[in-house]
Amino acid sequence: RRGPAPAGPARPEARAAPSVEPPARRHLAVGPDENHRARRVRQAEHQHLRKHRADLPGREVDHRHHLPADQRGGRVVGGDPGRGAPLAQVARRAAKAGLGGLEALSGFPSTVGGAVFMNAGCYGVEIRDVLRSARLVGRDGARRRVTTVELEPAYRSTNLKRSGEIVTRALFELAPGEPAALLARIDELNARRWQSLPSGVANAGSVFRNPPGDYAGRLIDACGLKGTRAGAAEISPRHANVIVNTGGATARDVLTLMRRMRDEVAERFGVRLVPELMLLGDLVHDLDEAR
């Protein structure tokens, strides 16, 4: 950040740049128009993404580079990583620099842009709790900076789902802390997370959002659906709200299990589960119509 520092104690910040803007603009320009039945992939790094490749023409934005970081005047500033800033690396680098706030979010296989887009959250912490502002690029290449409030963050959602804009930078406001304690907290939370989630097998994380006052996994488990299979897709025996790919599963296999999970929970508990996974192409309509 340029210019003189404000009076008083410096407020800790961490900046992450999940993609360079020109490729993002090119990507938006080549996506199919609104009349095309397939939706383009706005950001390939969305927190939870289930692609039906046959229905998705166009290109994807690649986000795979690490985030360099350095300390300046009480702040941690992430340099331009080129094409991506993995949230886990941002959290760990911030912790090493003595800045806390991202520890609970460090276990997501997501870049910063995807986490902001979805307002990712875990263990009572959401991106909106630490996000100060974000820079966006739209379909027409227009760039703008928005505050957290302007993103209208809600449970696993922001208004970026409607606008179609891509996150190119994010600025987090973090709190000073002891590096060793922050890193230990990251390790503790990640260990807890992976104890309850399937490991060593492909999955996209939570399938459904938690309904108010309850957990989707508990409801699905109460229906006795753990271990249920469709093709090569399986409702994880370890976590009922996760579908795993045992080898060669198709998007259609996953959709079949999602329908059963949703319908059995609705029949038994009267609760309508809402997908947390992002479904693209014909799968969106298929799930909506299977009611």
C-alpha atoms as a PDB file:
ATOM      1  CA  ARG A   1       0.000   0.000   0.000  1.00  0.00           C
ATOM      2  CA  ARG A   2       1.290   3.471  -0.857  1.00  0.00           C
ATOM      3  CA  GLY A   3       1.127   6.725   1.008  1.00  0.00           C
ATOM      4  CA  PRO A   4       1.814   7.629   4.635  1.00  0.00           C
ATOM      5  CA  ALA A   5       0.614   5.347   7.390  1.00  0.00           C
ATOM      6  CA  PRO A   6      -2.427   6.556   9.353  1.00  0.00           C
ATOM      7  CA  ALA A   7      -1.935   8.056  12.778  1.00  0.00           C
ATOM      8  CA  GLY A   8      -1.914   5.649  15.704  1.00  0.00           C
ATOM      9  CA  PRO A   9      -1.066   1.943  15.768  1.00  0.00           C
ATOM     10  CA  ALA A  10      -0.866   0.298  12.395  1.00  0.00           C
ATOM     11  CA  ARG A  11      -3.715  -2.099  11.712  1.00  0.00           C
ATOM     12  CA  PRO A  12      -2.400  -5.475  10.573  1.00  0.00           C
ATOM     13  CA  GLU A  13      -3.318  -6.415   7.044  1.00  0.00           C
ATOM     14  CA  ALA A  14      -2.589  -9.256   4.676  1.00  0.00           C
ATOM     15  CA  ARG A  15      -3.077  -8.886   0.947  1.00  0.00           C
ATOM     16  CA  ALA A  16      -3.501 -11.777  -1.432  1.00  0.00           C
ATOM     17  CA  ALA A  17      -3.714 -11.591  -5.211  1.00  0.00           C
ATOM     18  CA  PRO A  18      -5.418 -14.732  -6.542  1.00  0.00           C
ATOM     19  CA  SER A  19      -5.048 -13.948 -10.226  1.00  0.00           C
ATOM     20  CA  VAL A  20      -3.697 -11.425 -12.648  1.00  0.00           C
ATOM     21  CA  GLU A  21      -6.423  -9.342 -14.212  1.00  0.00           C
ATOM     22  CA  PRO A  22      -5.799  -9.456 -18.009  1.00  0.00           C
ATOM     23  CA  PRO A  23      -6.270 -13.263 -18.256  1.00  0.00           C
ATOM     24  CA  ALA A  24      -9.385 -12.919 -16.130  1.00  0.00           C
ATOM     25  CA  ARG A  25     -10.803 -10.370 -18.562  1.00  0.00           C
ATOM     26  CA  ARG A  26      -9.988 -12.608 -21.523  1.00  0.00           C
ATOM     27  CA  HIS A  27     -11.711 -15.479 -19.755  1.00  0.00           C
ATOM     28  CA  LEU A  28     -14.861 -13.472 -19.209  1.00  0.00           C
ATOM     29  CA  ALA A  29     -14.868 -12.432 -22.845  1.00  0.00           C
ATOM     30  CA  VAL A  30     -14.860 -15.980 -24.209  1.00  0.00           C
ATOM     31  CA  GLY A  31     -17.578 -17.434 -21.970  1.00  0.00           C
ATOM     32  CA  PRO A  32     -20.887 -18.436 -23.585  1.00  0.00           C
ATOM     33  CA  ASP A  33     -23.678 -15.883 -23.512  1.00  0.00           C
ATOM     34  CA  GLU A  34     -26.786 -16.053 -21.350  1.00  0.00           C
ATOM     35  CA  ASN A  35     -28.706 -18.050 -23.980  1.00  0.00           C
ATOM     36  CA  HIS A  36     -26.238 -20.911 -23.835  1.00  0.00           C
ATOM     37  CA  ARG A  37     -27.533 -23.762 -21.723  1.00  0.00           C
ATOM     38  CA  ALA A  38     -24.094 -24.385 -20.198  1.00  0.00           C
ATOM     39  CA  ARG A  39     -22.729 -21.951 -17.668  1.00  0.00           C
ATOM     40  CA  ARG A  40     -19.101 -20.955 -18.034  1.00  0.00           C
ATOM     41  CA  VAL A  41     -16.670 -21.686 -15.247  1.00  0.00           C
ATOM     42  CA  ARG A  42     -16.132 -18.251 -13.736  1.00  0.00           C
ATOM     43  CA  GLN A  43     -13.335 -19.318 -11.416  1.00  0.00           C
ATOM     44  CA  ALA A  44     -11.829 -22.785 -11.584  1.00  0.00           C
ATOM     45  CA  GLU A  45     -10.765 -22.471  -7.992  1.00  0.00           C
ATOM     46  CA  HIS A  46     -14.217 -22.092  -6.398  1.00  0.00           C
ATOM     47  CA  GLN A  47     -14.227 -23.692  -2.987  1.00  0.00           C
ATOM     48  CA  HIS A  48     -16.529 -26.552  -4.019  1.00  0.00           C
ATOM     49  CA  LEU A  49     -16.754 -27.311  -7.711  1.00  0.00           C
ATOM     50  CA  ARG A  50     -18.285 -30.320  -9.425  1.00  0.00           C
ATOM     51  CA  LYS A  51     -17.835 -30.106 -13.189  1.00  0.00           C
ATOM     52  CA  HIS A  52     -19.777 -31.957 -15.854  1.00  0.00           C
ATOM     53  CA  ARG A  53     -17.089 -31.523 -18.489  1.00  0.00           C
ATOM     54  CA  ALA A  54     -19.226 -32.466 -21.488  1.00  0.00           C
ATOM     55  CA  ASP A  55     -21.470 -29.469 -20.845  1.00  0.00           C
ATOM     56  CA  LEU A  56     -18.796 -26.836 -20.250  1.00  0.00           C
ATOM     57  CA  PRO A  57     -17.240 -25.209 -23.317  1.00  0.00           C
ATOM     58  CA  GLY A  58     -14.886 -22.287 -22.870  1.00  0.00           C
ATOM     59  CA  ARG A  59     -11.744 -21.971 -20.827  1.00  0.00           C
ATOM     60  CA  GLU A  60     -10.845 -21.891 -17.165  1.00  0.00           C
ATOM     61  CA  VAL A  61      -8.763 -19.467 -15.132  1.00  0.00           C
ATOM     62  CA  ASP A  62      -5.782 -21.259 -13.616  1.00  0.00           C
ATOM     63  CA  HIS A  63      -4.875 -20.399 -10.009  1.00  0.00           C
ATOM     64  CA  ARG A  64      -1.961 -22.435  -8.732  1.00  0.00           C
ATOM     65  CA  HIS A  65       0.950 -20.257  -7.647  1.00  0.00           C
ATOM     66  CA  HIS A  66       2.013 -19.722  -4.083  1.00  0.00           C
ATOM     67  CA  LEU A  67       1.820 -16.384  -2.300  1.00  0.00           C
ATOM     68  CA  PRO A  68       5.073 -14.671  -1.376  1.00  0.00           C
ATOM     69  CA  ALA A  69       4.799 -12.456   1.675  1.00  0.00           C
ATOM     70  CA  ASP A  70       6.932  -9.975   3.583  1.00  0.00           C
ATOM     71  CA  GLN A  71       6.506  -7.806   6.642  1.00  0.00           C
ATOM     72  CA  ARG A  72       6.339  -4.013   6.336  1.00  0.00           C
ATOM     73  CA  GLY A  73       5.634  -1.647   9.171  1.00  0.00           C
ATOM     74  CA  GLY A  74       3.531  -4.036  11.230  1.00  0.00           C
ATOM     75  CA  ARG A  75       1.688  -5.391   8.203  1.00  0.00           C
ATOM     76  CA  VAL A  76       2.064  -8.521   6.149  1.00  0.00           C
ATOM     77  CA  VAL A  77       1.755  -7.824   2.450  1.00  0.00           C
ATOM     78  CA  GLY A  78       1.493 -10.651  -0.075  1.00  0.00           C
ATOM     79  CA  GLY A  79       3.240  -9.925  -3.342  1.00  0.00           C
ATOM     80  CA  ASP A  80       1.640 -10.669  -6.697  1.00  0.00           C
ATOM     81  CA  PRO A  81       1.615 -14.494  -6.954  1.00  0.00           C
ATOM     82  CA  GLY A  82       0.850 -14.421 -10.668  1.00  0.00           C
ATOM     83  CA  ARG A  83      -2.049 -16.829 -10.983  1.00  0.00           C
ATOM     84  CA  GLY A  84      -3.228 -17.709  -7.502  1.00  0.00           C
ATOM     85  CA  ALA A  85      -2.924 -17.549  -3.758  1.00  0.00           C
ATOM     86  CA  PRO A  86      -3.891 -20.766  -1.961  1.00  0.00           C
ATOM     87  CA  LEU A  87      -5.787 -19.851   1.187  1.00  0.00           C
ATOM     88  CA  ALA A  88      -3.904 -22.418   3.269  1.00  0.00           C
ATOM     89  CA  GLN A  89      -0.562 -20.874   2.306  1.00  0.00           C
ATOM     90  CA  VAL A  90      -1.820 -17.362   2.990  1.00  0.00           C
ATOM     91  CA  ALA A  91      -3.008 -18.427   6.452  1.00  0.00           C
ATOM     92  CA  ARG A  92       0.261 -20.143   7.312  1.00  0.00           C
ATOM     93  CA  ARG A  93       2.453 -17.317   6.048  1.00  0.00           C
ATOM     94  CA  ALA A  94       0.396 -14.797   7.984  1.00  0.00           C
ATOM     95  CA  ALA A  95       0.728 -16.931  11.123  1.00  0.00           C
ATOM     96  CA  LYS A  96       4.498 -17.133  10.686  1.00  0.00           C
ATOM     97  CA  ALA A  97       4.537 -13.340  10.529  1.00  0.00           C
ATOM     98  CA  GLY A  98       2.512 -13.102  13.752  1.00  0.00           C
ATOM     99  CA  LEU A  99      -0.861 -12.240  12.238  1.00  0.00           C
ATOM    100  CA  GLY A 100      -3.918 -14.263  13.199  1.00  0.00           C
ATOM    101  CA  GLY A 101      -7.481 -14.613  12.008  1.00  0.00           C
ATOM    102  CA  LEU A 102      -7.208 -17.120   9.171  1.00  0.00           C
ATOM    103  CA  GLU A 103      -6.344 -20.200  11.244  1.00  0.00           C
ATOM    104  CA  ALA A 104      -9.822 -21.752  11.088  1.00  0.00           C
ATOM    105  CA  LEU A 105      -9.906 -21.254   7.309  1.00  0.00           C
ATOM    106  CA  SER A 106      -6.530 -22.839   6.613  1.00  0.00           C
ATOM    107  CA  GLY A 107      -7.851 -26.323   5.832  1.00  0.00           C
ATOM    108  CA  PHE A 108      -9.747 -25.448   2.655  1.00  0.00           C
ATOM    109  CA  PRO A 109      -8.414 -26.665  -0.722  1.00  0.00           C
ATOM    110  CA  SER A 110      -9.215 -23.247  -2.158  1.00  0.00           C
ATOM    111  CA  THR A 111      -7.538 -20.121  -3.404  1.00  0.00           C
ATOM    112  CA  VAL A 112      -8.321 -16.784  -1.847  1.00  0.00           C
ATOM    113  CA  GLY A 113     -10.600 -15.840  -4.747  1.00  0.00           C
ATOM    114  CA  GLY A 114     -12.746 -18.931  -4.367  1.00  0.00           C
ATOM    115  CA  ALA A 115     -13.008 -18.492  -0.613  1.00  0.00           C
ATOM    116  CA  VAL A 116     -14.128 -14.875  -1.007  1.00  0.00           C
ATOM    117  CA  PHE A 117     -16.594 -15.825  -3.754  1.00  0.00           C
ATOM    118  CA  MET A 118     -18.256 -18.430  -1.511  1.00  0.00           C
ATOM    119  CA  ASN A 119     -17.703 -16.661   1.821  1.00  0.00           C
ATOM    120  CA  ALA A 120     -16.011 -19.835   3.000  1.00  0.00           C
ATOM    121  CA  GLY A 121     -16.278 -20.682   6.656  1.00  0.00           C
ATOM    122  CA  CYS A 122     -15.365 -23.247   9.276  1.00  0.00           C
ATOM    123  CA  TYR A 123     -15.306 -23.536  13.073  1.00  0.00           C
ATOM    124  CA  GLY A 124     -17.388 -20.411  13.513  1.00  0.00           C
ATOM    125  CA  VAL A 125     -15.204 -18.185  11.312  1.00  0.00           C
ATOM    126  CA  GLU A 126     -16.109 -16.927   7.833  1.00  0.00           C
ATOM    127  CA  ILE A 127     -14.102 -15.008   5.273  1.00  0.00           C
ATOM    128  CA  ARG A 128     -16.290 -11.958   5.883  1.00  0.00           C
ATOM    129  CA  ASP A 129     -15.010 -11.818   9.464  1.00  0.00           C
ATOM    130  CA  VAL A 130     -11.476 -11.003   8.305  1.00  0.00           C
ATOM    131  CA  LEU A 131     -11.967  -9.574   4.802  1.00  0.00           C
ATOM    132  CA  ARG A 132     -11.564  -5.808   4.525  1.00  0.00           C
ATOM    133  CA  SER A 133     -11.935  -5.312   0.774  1.00  0.00           C
ATOM    134  CA  ALA A 134     -11.601  -7.027  -2.592  1.00  0.00           C
ATOM    135  CA  ARG A 135     -10.767  -6.005  -6.132  1.00  0.00           C
ATOM    136  CA  LEU A 136     -12.960  -7.369  -8.895  1.00  0.00           C
ATOM    137  CA  VAL A 137     -13.009  -7.534 -12.674  1.00  0.00           C
ATOM    138  CA  GLY A 138     -16.260  -7.793 -14.617  1.00  0.00           C
ATOM    139  CA  ARG A 139     -17.347  -9.253 -17.936  1.00  0.00           C
ATOM    140  CA  ASP A 140     -16.566  -5.992 -19.713  1.00  0.00           C
ATOM    141  CA  GLY A 141     -13.120  -5.713 -18.134  1.00  0.00           C
ATOM    142  CA  ALA A 142     -14.222  -3.004 -15.716  1.00  0.00           C
ATOM    143  CA  ARG A 143     -12.363  -3.118 -12.420  1.00  0.00           C
ATOM    144  CA  ARG A 144     -13.573  -1.967  -9.052  1.00  0.00           C
ATOM    145  CA  ARG A 145     -12.748  -2.209  -5.386  1.00  0.00           C
ATOM    146  CA  VAL A 146     -15.496  -3.230  -2.963  1.00  0.00           C
ATOM    147  CA  THR A 147     -15.780  -3.484   0.790  1.00  0.00           C
ATOM    148  CA  THR A 148     -16.901  -6.621   2.556  1.00  0.00           C
ATOM    149  CA  VAL A 149     -20.365  -5.162   3.148  1.00  0.00           C
ATOM    150  CA  GLU A 150     -20.758  -4.420  -0.567  1.00  0.00           C
ATOM    151  CA  LEU A 151     -20.274  -8.125  -1.318  1.00  0.00           C
ATOM    152  CA  GLU A 152     -23.422  -8.856   0.722  1.00  0.00           C
ATOM    153  CA  PRO A 153     -21.851 -11.924   2.330  1.00  0.00           C
ATOM    154  CA  ALA A 154     -24.215 -14.578   3.662  1.00  0.00           C
ATOM    155  CA  TYR A 155     -23.874 -18.239   4.564  1.00  0.00           C
ATOM    156  CA  ARG A 156     -21.618 -19.683   1.827  1.00  0.00           C
ATOM    157  CA  SER A 157     -22.615 -16.938  -0.560  1.00  0.00           C
ATOM    158  CA  THR A 158     -21.878 -13.435  -1.855  1.00  0.00           C
ATOM    159  CA  ASN A 159     -23.446 -11.338  -4.593  1.00  0.00           C
ATOM    160  CA  LEU A 160     -20.581 -12.381  -6.885  1.00  0.00           C
ATOM    161  CA  LYS A 161     -22.694 -15.395  -7.775  1.00  0.00           C
ATOM    162  CA  ARG A 162     -25.102 -12.982  -9.454  1.00  0.00           C
ATOM    163  CA  SER A 163     -22.674 -10.441 -10.877  1.00  0.00           C
ATOM    164  CA  GLY A 164     -20.280 -12.967 -12.433  1.00  0.00           C
ATOM    165  CA  GLU A 165     -17.275 -10.855 -11.434  1.00  0.00           C
ATOM    166  CA  ILE A 166     -13.924 -12.443 -10.615  1.00  0.00           C
ATOM    167  CA  VAL A 167     -11.917 -11.698  -7.483  1.00  0.00           C
ATOM    168  CA  THR A 168      -8.414 -10.522  -8.420  1.00  0.00           C
ATOM    169  CA  ARG A 169      -7.199  -9.308  -5.018  1.00  0.00           C
ATOM    170  CA  ALA A 170      -8.306  -9.502  -1.411  1.00  0.00           C
ATOM    171  CA  LEU A 171      -7.224  -7.508   1.621  1.00  0.00           C
ATOM    172  CA  PHE A 172      -7.558  -9.107   5.055  1.00  0.00           C
ATOM    173  CA  GLU A 173      -7.407  -7.334   8.389  1.00  0.00           C
ATOM    174  CA  LEU A 174      -5.692  -9.604  10.889  1.00  0.00           C
ATOM    175  CA  ALA A 175      -4.770  -9.423  14.565  1.00  0.00           C
ATOM    176  CA  PRO A 176      -1.260  -9.618  16.066  1.00  0.00           C
ATOM    177  CA  GLY A 177      -0.383 -12.909  17.709  1.00  0.00           C
ATOM    178  CA  GLU A 178       2.446 -15.199  18.709  1.00  0.00           C
ATOM    179  CA  PRO A 179       3.611 -17.085  15.599  1.00  0.00           C
ATOM    180  CA  ALA A 180       4.193 -20.373  17.419  1.00  0.00           C
ATOM    181  CA  ALA A 181       0.720 -20.281  18.974  1.00  0.00           C
ATOM    182  CA  LEU A 182      -0.947 -19.382  15.665  1.00  0.00           C
ATOM    183  CA  LEU A 183       0.828 -22.178  13.801  1.00  0.00           C
ATOM    184  CA  ALA A 184      -0.069 -24.643  16.550  1.00  0.00           C
ATOM    185  CA  ARG A 185      -3.703 -23.575  16.248  1.00  0.00           C
ATOM    186  CA  ILE A 186      -3.619 -24.184  12.485  1.00  0.00           C
ATOM    187  CA  ASP A 187      -2.208 -27.669  13.014  1.00  0.00           C
ATOM    188  CA  GLU A 188      -4.779 -28.426  15.726  1.00  0.00           C
ATOM    189  CA  LEU A 189      -7.761 -27.364  13.618  1.00  0.00           C
ATOM    190  CA  ASN A 190      -6.517 -29.130  10.510  1.00  0.00           C
ATOM    191  CA  ALA A 191      -5.967 -32.346  12.459  1.00  0.00           C
ATOM    192  CA  ARG A 192      -9.519 -32.124  13.805  1.00  0.00           C
ATOM    193  CA  ARG A 193     -10.863 -31.442  10.327  1.00  0.00           C
ATOM    194  CA  TRP A 194      -9.125 -34.401   8.713  1.00  0.00           C
ATOM    195  CA  GLN A 195     -10.159 -36.763  11.495  1.00  0.00           C
ATOM    196  CA  SER A 196     -13.771 -36.299  10.461  1.00  0.00           C
ATOM    197  CA  LEU A 197     -13.282 -36.084   6.689  1.00  0.00           C
ATOM    198  CA  PRO A 198     -12.282 -38.852   4.270  1.00  0.00           C
ATOM    199  CA  SER A 199      -8.604 -38.813   3.382  1.00  0.00           C
ATOM    200  CA  GLY A 200      -6.743 -40.280   0.440  1.00  0.00           C
ATOM    201  CA  VAL A 201      -9.822 -40.297  -1.794  1.00  0.00           C
ATOM    202  CA  ALA A 202     -11.120 -37.621  -4.168  1.00  0.00           C
ATOM    203  CA  ASN A 203     -14.008 -35.526  -2.892  1.00  0.00           C
ATOM    204  CA  ALA A 204     -15.337 -31.968  -3.114  1.00  0.00           C
ATOM    205  CA  GLY A 205     -16.031 -31.440   0.573  1.00  0.00           C
ATOM    206  CA  SER A 206     -19.454 -30.709   2.005  1.00  0.00           C
ATOM    207  CA  VAL A 207     -22.284 -31.527  -0.393  1.00  0.00           C
ATOM    208  CA  PHE A 208     -25.109 -29.626   1.338  1.00  0.00           C
ATOM    209  CA  ARG A 209     -25.238 -26.525   3.486  1.00  0.00           C
ATOM    210  CA  ASN A 210     -26.085 -26.961   7.137  1.00  0.00           C
ATOM    211  CA  PRO A 211     -29.738 -26.074   7.778  1.00  0.00           C
ATOM    212  CA  PRO A 212     -30.433 -23.572  10.573  1.00  0.00           C
ATOM    213  CA  GLY A 213     -29.788 -25.122  13.962  1.00  0.00           C
ATOM    214  CA  ASP A 214     -28.646 -28.489  12.662  1.00  0.00           C
ATOM    215  CA  TYR A 215     -26.033 -30.273  10.572  1.00  0.00           C
ATOM    216  CA  ALA A 216     -26.613 -31.756   7.139  1.00  0.00           C
ATOM    217  CA  GLY A 217     -24.246 -34.603   7.949  1.00  0.00           C
ATOM    218  CA  ARG A 218     -26.223 -35.577  11.046  1.00  0.00           C
ATOM    219  CA  LEU A 219     -29.513 -35.652   9.140  1.00  0.00           C
ATOM    220  CA  ILE A 220     -28.082 -37.709   6.285  1.00  0.00           C
ATOM    221  CA  ASP A 221     -26.422 -40.100   8.722  1.00  0.00           C
ATOM    222  CA  ALA A 222     -29.710 -40.527  10.609  1.00  0.00           C
ATOM    223  CA  CYS A 223     -31.232 -41.727   7.334  1.00  0.00           C
ATOM    224  CA  GLY A 224     -28.663 -44.523   7.249  1.00  0.00           C
ATOM    225  CA  LEU A 225     -27.077 -43.381   4.008  1.00  0.00           C
ATOM    226  CA  LYS A 226     -23.381 -43.674   4.835  1.00  0.00           C
ATOM    227  CA  GLY A 227     -21.741 -46.044   2.373  1.00  0.00           C
ATOM    228  CA  THR A 228     -24.543 -45.753  -0.202  1.00  0.00           C
ATOM    229  CA  ARG A 229     -23.160 -45.919  -3.738  1.00  0.00           C
ATOM    230  CA  ALA A 230     -24.155 -44.860  -7.232  1.00  0.00           C
ATOM    231  CA  GLY A 231     -21.701 -46.044  -9.835  1.00  0.00           C
ATOM    232  CA  ALA A 232     -18.252 -45.182  -8.513  1.00  0.00           C
ATOM    233  CA  ALA A 233     -19.525 -42.411  -6.237  1.00  0.00           C
ATOM    234  CA  GLU A 234     -20.125 -43.146  -2.567  1.00  0.00           C
ATOM    235  CA  ILE A 235     -21.525 -41.306   0.443  1.00  0.00           C
ATOM    236  CA  SER A 236     -18.486 -41.401   2.670  1.00  0.00           C
ATOM    237  CA  PRO A 237     -18.656 -43.916   5.531  1.00  0.00           C
ATOM    238  CA  ARG A 238     -16.650 -41.358   7.495  1.00  0.00           C
ATOM    239  CA  HIS A 239     -18.745 -38.222   6.921  1.00  0.00           C
ATOM    240  CA  ALA A 240     -22.319 -38.434   5.629  1.00  0.00           C
ATOM    241  CA  ASN A 241     -22.224 -34.997   3.990  1.00  0.00           C
ATOM    242  CA  VAL A 242     -19.305 -35.890   1.722  1.00  0.00           C
ATOM    243  CA  ILE A 243     -19.442 -37.840  -1.540  1.00  0.00           C
ATOM    244  CA  VAL A 244     -16.209 -39.554  -2.555  1.00  0.00           C
ATOM    245  CA  ASN A 245     -14.985 -40.769  -5.922  1.00  0.00           C
ATOM    246  CA  THR A 246     -13.843 -44.362  -5.505  1.00  0.00           C
ATOM    247  CA  GLY A 247     -12.461 -44.358  -9.043  1.00  0.00           C
ATOM    248  CA  GLY A 248     -14.090 -43.221 -12.277  1.00  0.00           C
ATOM    249  CA  ALA A 249     -17.196 -41.629 -10.784  1.00  0.00           C
ATOM    250  CA  THR A 250     -19.166 -39.331 -13.074  1.00  0.00           C
ATOM    251  CA  ALA A 251     -21.030 -36.145 -12.269  1.00  0.00           C
ATOM    252  CA  ARG A 252     -24.213 -38.107 -12.938  1.00  0.00           C
ATOM    253  CA  ASP A 253     -23.252 -40.599 -10.207  1.00  0.00           C
ATOM    254  CA  VAL A 254     -22.794 -37.746  -7.766  1.00  0.00           C
ATOM    255  CA  LEU A 255     -26.114 -36.192  -8.758  1.00  0.00           C
ATOM    256  CA  THR A 256     -27.899 -39.496  -8.139  1.00  0.00           C
ATOM    257  CA  LEU A 257     -26.570 -39.607  -4.585  1.00  0.00           C
ATOM    258  CA  MET A 258     -27.390 -35.942  -4.005  1.00  0.00           C
ATOM    259  CA  ARG A 259     -30.999 -36.545  -4.988  1.00  0.00           C
ATOM    260  CA  ARG A 260     -31.294 -39.467  -2.609  1.00  0.00           C
ATOM    261  CA  MET A 261     -29.664 -37.580   0.277  1.00  0.00           C
ATOM    262  CA  ARG A 262     -31.912 -34.577  -0.256  1.00  0.00           C
ATOM    263  CA  ASP A 263     -35.128 -36.545  -0.746  1.00  0.00           C
ATOM    264  CA  GLU A 264     -34.705 -38.917   2.197  1.00  0.00           C
ATOM    265  CA  VAL A 265     -33.865 -36.093   4.596  1.00  0.00           C
ATOM    266  CA  ALA A 266     -36.899 -34.149   3.362  1.00  0.00           C
ATOM    267  CA  GLU A 267     -39.181 -37.151   3.786  1.00  0.00           C
ATOM    268  CA  ARG A 268     -37.963 -38.088   7.253  1.00  0.00           C
ATOM    269  CA  PHE A 269     -37.273 -34.694   8.819  1.00  0.00           C
ATOM    270  CA  GLY A 270     -39.158 -32.214   6.652  1.00  0.00           C
ATOM    271  CA  VAL A 271     -35.899 -30.343   6.010  1.00  0.00           C
ATOM    272  CA  ARG A 272     -34.992 -29.222   2.499  1.00  0.00           C
ATOM    273  CA  LEU A 273     -31.221 -29.479   2.047  1.00  0.00           C
ATOM    274  CA  VAL A 274     -29.599 -26.846  -0.179  1.00  0.00           C
ATOM    275  CA  PRO A 275     -26.463 -27.801  -2.166  1.00  0.00           C
ATOM    276  CA  GLU A 276     -23.178 -26.275  -1.106  1.00  0.00           C
ATOM    277  CA  LEU A 277     -21.453 -27.783  -4.122  1.00  0.00           C
ATOM    278  CA  MET A 278     -21.640 -25.641  -7.244  1.00  0.00           C
ATOM    279  CA  LEU A 279     -23.341 -27.575 -10.028  1.00  0.00           C
ATOM    280  CA  LEU A 280     -22.733 -26.479 -13.601  1.00  0.00           C
ATOM    281  CA  GLY A 281     -24.238 -27.325 -16.958  1.00  0.00           C
ATOM    282  CA  ASP A 282     -27.330 -29.518 -17.238  1.00  0.00           C
ATOM    283  CA  LEU A 283     -26.784 -30.860 -13.728  1.00  0.00           C
ATOM    284  CA  VAL A 284     -28.187 -27.643 -12.263  1.00  0.00           C
ATOM    285  CA  HIS A 285     -31.529 -28.196 -13.977  1.00  0.00           C
ATOM    286  CA  ASP A 286     -31.492 -31.944 -13.368  1.00  0.00           C
ATOM    287  CA  LEU A 287     -31.257 -31.517  -9.611  1.00  0.00           C
ATOM    288  CA  ASP A 288     -33.845 -28.732  -9.542  1.00  0.00           C
ATOM    289  CA  GLU A 289     -36.313 -30.775 -11.562  1.00  0.00           C
ATOM    290  CA  ALA A 290     -35.876 -33.944  -9.493  1.00  0.00           C
ATOM    291  CA  ARG A 291     -38.318 -32.917  -6.765  1.00  0.00           C
END
